[in-house]
Each structure stands twice: as C-alpha cells, then as structure tokens.
Amino acid sequence: MRHGFLVAVIDVPSDQTAGMSGFRLSPDHAADIAAVVGWLHAAAPAGVWLVGTSCDAISAVIGAGEMTPAE
C-alpha cells in the first residue's frame, strides 16, 4: 500500500484442474471473486476495481455483476 494500491491477482482455482471452461460463468466463480473483494476491503477499506484482459474480462464482469453497492 506504499503508493495507495493494493493488488490481488486471481489465478485458476486449485479445485478447477480442468481449467476455467464452464466454471467462469458459474455462481461459484462469482462467489470466489466476491471473497477476494471482501478480503481486499478488510485489508484496506477503499474502492475496488475489477480488471481483466481477454477471457478474464468475462470474470471481472461476472464478479462485478454479483456485487451489491455495499460490497
């Protein structure tokens, strides 16, 4: 947080040995993203931006779509 940023890089979950195909659009994936956002808020109560490139942009949208304004 030295420069005001706290960054989390999310990789493929360890329980998804077949990769992200299909899982990326699941409620479980959205819950995983929400858990990371919750951890970030607990570590540093500030705004959170979800950013993804290529297929990870889908994950960012799925995660953001499941959030409520309070999250």
C-alpha atoms as a PDB file:
ATOM      1  CA  MET A   1       0.000   0.000   0.000  1.00  0.00           C
ATOM      2  CA  ARG A   2       3.020   2.277  -0.185  1.00  0.00           C
ATOM      3  CA  HIS A   3       1.605   4.078  -3.242  1.00  0.00           C
ATOM      4  CA  GLY A   4      -2.058   3.697  -2.350  1.00  0.00           C
ATOM      5  CA  PHE A   5      -2.721   0.487  -4.267  1.00  0.00           C
ATOM      6  CA  LEU A   6      -3.468  -2.983  -3.023  1.00  0.00           C
ATOM      7  CA  VAL A   7      -3.474  -5.523  -5.843  1.00  0.00           C
ATOM      8  CA  ALA A   8      -4.734  -9.092  -5.987  1.00  0.00           C
ATOM      9  CA  VAL A   9      -4.064 -11.301  -8.986  1.00  0.00           C
ATOM     10  CA  ILE A  10      -6.522 -14.175  -9.189  1.00  0.00           C
ATOM     11  CA  ASP A  11      -5.394 -17.385 -10.873  1.00  0.00           C
ATOM     12  CA  VAL A  12      -7.322 -20.539 -11.770  1.00  0.00           C
ATOM     13  CA  PRO A  13      -8.738 -22.056  -8.557  1.00  0.00           C
ATOM     14  CA  SER A  14      -6.882 -25.150  -7.382  1.00  0.00           C
ATOM     15  CA  ASP A  15     -10.112 -27.172  -7.456  1.00  0.00           C
ATOM     16  CA  GLN A  16     -10.579 -26.455 -11.184  1.00  0.00           C
ATOM     17  CA  THR A  17      -7.966 -28.805 -12.617  1.00  0.00           C
ATOM     18  CA  ALA A  18      -9.735 -28.838 -15.987  1.00  0.00           C
ATOM     19  CA  GLY A  19      -9.353 -25.064 -16.328  1.00  0.00           C
ATOM     20  CA  MET A  20     -11.879 -22.267 -16.443  1.00  0.00           C
ATOM     21  CA  SER A  21     -14.106 -23.508 -19.273  1.00  0.00           C
ATOM     22  CA  GLY A  22     -17.643 -23.545 -17.921  1.00  0.00           C
ATOM     23  CA  PHE A  23     -16.571 -22.514 -14.427  1.00  0.00           C
ATOM     24  CA  ARG A  24     -16.007 -18.905 -15.474  1.00  0.00           C
ATOM     25  CA  LEU A  25     -19.774 -18.299 -15.798  1.00  0.00           C
ATOM     26  CA  SER A  26     -20.761 -20.149 -12.617  1.00  0.00           C
ATOM     27  CA  PRO A  27     -22.108 -18.749  -9.351  1.00  0.00           C
ATOM     28  CA  ASP A  28     -19.153 -20.444  -7.616  1.00  0.00           C
ATOM     29  CA  HIS A  29     -16.710 -18.330  -9.623  1.00  0.00           C
ATOM     30  CA  ALA A  30     -18.640 -15.166  -8.752  1.00  0.00           C
ATOM     31  CA  ALA A  31     -18.517 -16.216  -5.077  1.00  0.00           C
ATOM     32  CA  ASP A  32     -14.739 -16.703  -5.313  1.00  0.00           C
ATOM     33  CA  ILE A  33     -14.352 -13.199  -6.729  1.00  0.00           C
ATOM     34  CA  ALA A  34     -16.629 -11.773  -4.019  1.00  0.00           C
ATOM     35  CA  ALA A  35     -14.464 -13.462  -1.376  1.00  0.00           C
ATOM     36  CA  VAL A  36     -11.330 -11.811  -2.777  1.00  0.00           C
ATOM     37  CA  VAL A  37     -13.089  -8.429  -2.880  1.00  0.00           C
ATOM     38  CA  GLY A  38     -14.174  -8.942   0.739  1.00  0.00           C
ATOM     39  CA  TRP A  39     -10.601  -9.724   1.729  1.00  0.00           C
ATOM     40  CA  LEU A  40      -9.365  -6.598  -0.049  1.00  0.00           C
ATOM     41  CA  HIS A  41     -11.948  -4.446   1.732  1.00  0.00           C
ATOM     42  CA  ALA A  42     -10.931  -5.917   5.081  1.00  0.00           C
ATOM     43  CA  ALA A  43      -7.245  -5.273   4.366  1.00  0.00           C
ATOM     44  CA  ALA A  44      -7.767  -1.704   3.142  1.00  0.00           C
ATOM     45  CA  PRO A  45     -11.273  -0.217   3.138  1.00  0.00           C
ATOM     46  CA  ALA A  46     -11.207   1.543  -0.214  1.00  0.00           C
ATOM     47  CA  GLY A  47     -12.679   1.237  -3.672  1.00  0.00           C
ATOM     48  CA  VAL A  48     -12.074  -1.974  -5.605  1.00  0.00           C
ATOM     49  CA  TRP A  49     -11.721  -2.173  -9.377  1.00  0.00           C
ATOM     50  CA  LEU A  50     -12.028  -5.476 -11.196  1.00  0.00           C
ATOM     51  CA  VAL A  51      -9.898  -5.579 -14.328  1.00  0.00           C
ATOM     52  CA  GLY A  52      -9.427  -8.424 -16.734  1.00  0.00           C
ATOM     53  CA  THR A  53      -7.982  -8.892 -20.182  1.00  0.00           C
ATOM     54  CA  SER A  54      -9.188 -11.323 -22.804  1.00  0.00           C
ATOM     55  CA  CYS A  55     -11.283 -14.068 -21.174  1.00  0.00           C
ATOM     56  CA  ASP A  56     -10.506 -12.670 -17.735  1.00  0.00           C
ATOM     57  CA  ALA A  57     -12.621  -9.651 -18.665  1.00  0.00           C
ATOM     58  CA  ILE A  58     -15.577 -12.061 -18.501  1.00  0.00           C
ATOM     59  CA  SER A  59     -14.580 -12.956 -14.938  1.00  0.00           C
ATOM     60  CA  ALA A  60     -14.364  -9.277 -13.999  1.00  0.00           C
ATOM     61  CA  VAL A  61     -17.858  -8.641 -15.370  1.00  0.00           C
ATOM     62  CA  ILE A  62     -19.305 -11.754 -13.708  1.00  0.00           C
ATOM     63  CA  GLY A  63     -17.750 -10.737 -10.398  1.00  0.00           C
ATOM     64  CA  ALA A  64     -18.892  -7.127 -10.629  1.00  0.00           C
ATOM     65  CA  GLY A  65     -22.384  -8.208 -11.649  1.00  0.00           C
ATOM     66  CA  GLU A  66     -22.764 -10.211  -8.463  1.00  0.00           C
ATOM     67  CA  MET A  67     -21.669  -7.377  -6.175  1.00  0.00           C
ATOM     68  CA  THR A  68     -24.068  -5.113  -4.324  1.00  0.00           C
ATOM     69  CA  PRO A  69     -23.262  -1.405  -3.892  1.00  0.00           C
ATOM     70  CA  ALA A  70     -22.211  -2.047  -0.268  1.00  0.00           C
ATOM     71  CA  GLU A  71     -19.547  -4.514  -1.379  1.00  0.00           C
END
